[in-house]
Amino acid sequence: MSHKPDPVEALHADLLSSKEGIAGCARLIGRSPQVLYNKFSDSMPGNELTGREERALADAVGSVKYIQACCAYF
């Protein structure tokens, strides 16, 4: 079995390295920074990003890694 990249991990890495950071990206899609931090937290498994949020965030930061990971996953 081959390793498939995790699209959410790729997106998280891109948000962390973006000039806006997670807090700024949260505001770009109309979420509070704390909500977005919670959605990326491993300690809060009940809080997950929706597909719509993932696509909006990827678009906001131009995340090519997210799209590549999605394509490789499927």
Protein backbone atom coordinates (compact mmCIF):
# COMPACT_ATOMS: atom_id res chain seq x y z
CA MET A 1 0.00 0.00 0.00
CA SER A 2 1.43 3.37 -1.00
CA HIS A 3 1.39 6.45 1.18
CA LYS A 4 -1.22 8.98 0.11
CA PRO A 5 -0.74 12.64 1.06
CA ASP A 6 -3.30 14.15 3.39
CA PRO A 7 -4.95 17.16 1.71
CA VAL A 8 -5.80 18.78 5.04
CA GLU A 9 -2.19 18.50 6.24
CA ALA A 10 -1.00 20.06 2.98
CA LEU A 11 -3.52 22.87 3.37
CA HIS A 12 -2.52 23.44 6.99
CA ALA A 13 1.14 23.72 6.01
CA ASP A 14 0.29 26.26 3.31
CA LEU A 15 -1.81 28.34 5.72
CA LEU A 16 0.97 28.35 8.29
CA SER A 17 3.47 29.57 5.72
CA SER A 18 1.15 32.16 4.18
CA LYS A 19 1.60 35.85 4.94
CA GLU A 20 -1.91 35.90 6.45
CA GLY A 21 -1.33 32.95 8.76
CA ILE A 22 -4.21 30.92 10.08
CA ALA A 23 -5.86 33.87 11.81
CA GLY A 24 -5.85 35.99 8.66
CA CYS A 25 -7.05 33.12 6.51
CA ALA A 26 -9.90 32.47 8.93
CA ARG A 27 -11.06 36.05 8.50
CA LEU A 28 -10.81 35.75 4.70
CA ILE A 29 -13.43 32.99 4.74
CA GLY A 30 -15.61 34.48 7.46
CA ARG A 31 -14.53 32.26 10.36
CA SER A 32 -13.09 33.23 13.69
CA PRO A 33 -9.41 32.40 14.11
CA GLN A 34 -10.14 30.22 17.16
CA VAL A 35 -12.65 28.12 15.23
CA LEU A 36 -10.10 27.53 12.47
CA TYR A 37 -7.36 26.67 14.98
CA ASN A 38 -9.76 24.15 16.53
CA LYS A 39 -10.53 22.59 13.16
CA PHE A 40 -6.82 21.89 12.61
CA SER A 41 -6.24 20.61 16.16
CA ASP A 42 -5.66 16.89 16.64
CA SER A 43 -6.96 17.23 20.18
CA MET A 44 -10.38 18.30 18.90
CA PRO A 45 -11.42 15.51 16.52
CA GLY A 46 -15.06 16.62 16.57
CA ASN A 47 -14.11 19.85 14.81
CA GLU A 48 -13.23 19.23 11.19
CA LEU A 49 -13.06 21.39 8.11
CA THR A 50 -15.88 21.07 5.64
CA GLY A 51 -15.07 20.56 1.97
CA ARG A 52 -16.34 24.07 1.30
CA GLU A 53 -14.00 25.53 3.92
CA GLU A 54 -11.06 23.56 2.54
CA ARG A 55 -11.67 24.85 -0.99
CA ALA A 56 -12.17 28.44 0.21
CA LEU A 57 -8.95 28.36 2.20
CA ALA A 58 -7.01 26.76 -0.65
CA ASP A 59 -8.30 29.46 -2.97
CA ALA A 60 -7.50 32.22 -0.47
CA VAL A 61 -3.83 31.26 -0.27
CA GLY A 62 -3.40 29.72 -3.72
CA SER A 63 -2.63 26.31 -2.24
CA VAL A 64 -1.33 24.13 -5.04
CA LYS A 65 -0.20 21.51 -2.51
CA TYR A 66 -3.80 21.01 -1.39
CA ILE A 67 -5.00 20.39 -4.94
CA GLN A 68 -2.08 18.05 -5.65
CA ALA A 69 -2.76 16.11 -2.45
CA CYS A 70 -6.46 15.81 -3.33
CA CYS A 71 -5.60 14.48 -6.78
CA ALA A 72 -3.04 12.02 -5.40
CA TYR A 73 -5.47 10.87 -2.69
CA PHE A 74 -8.13 9.86 -5.14
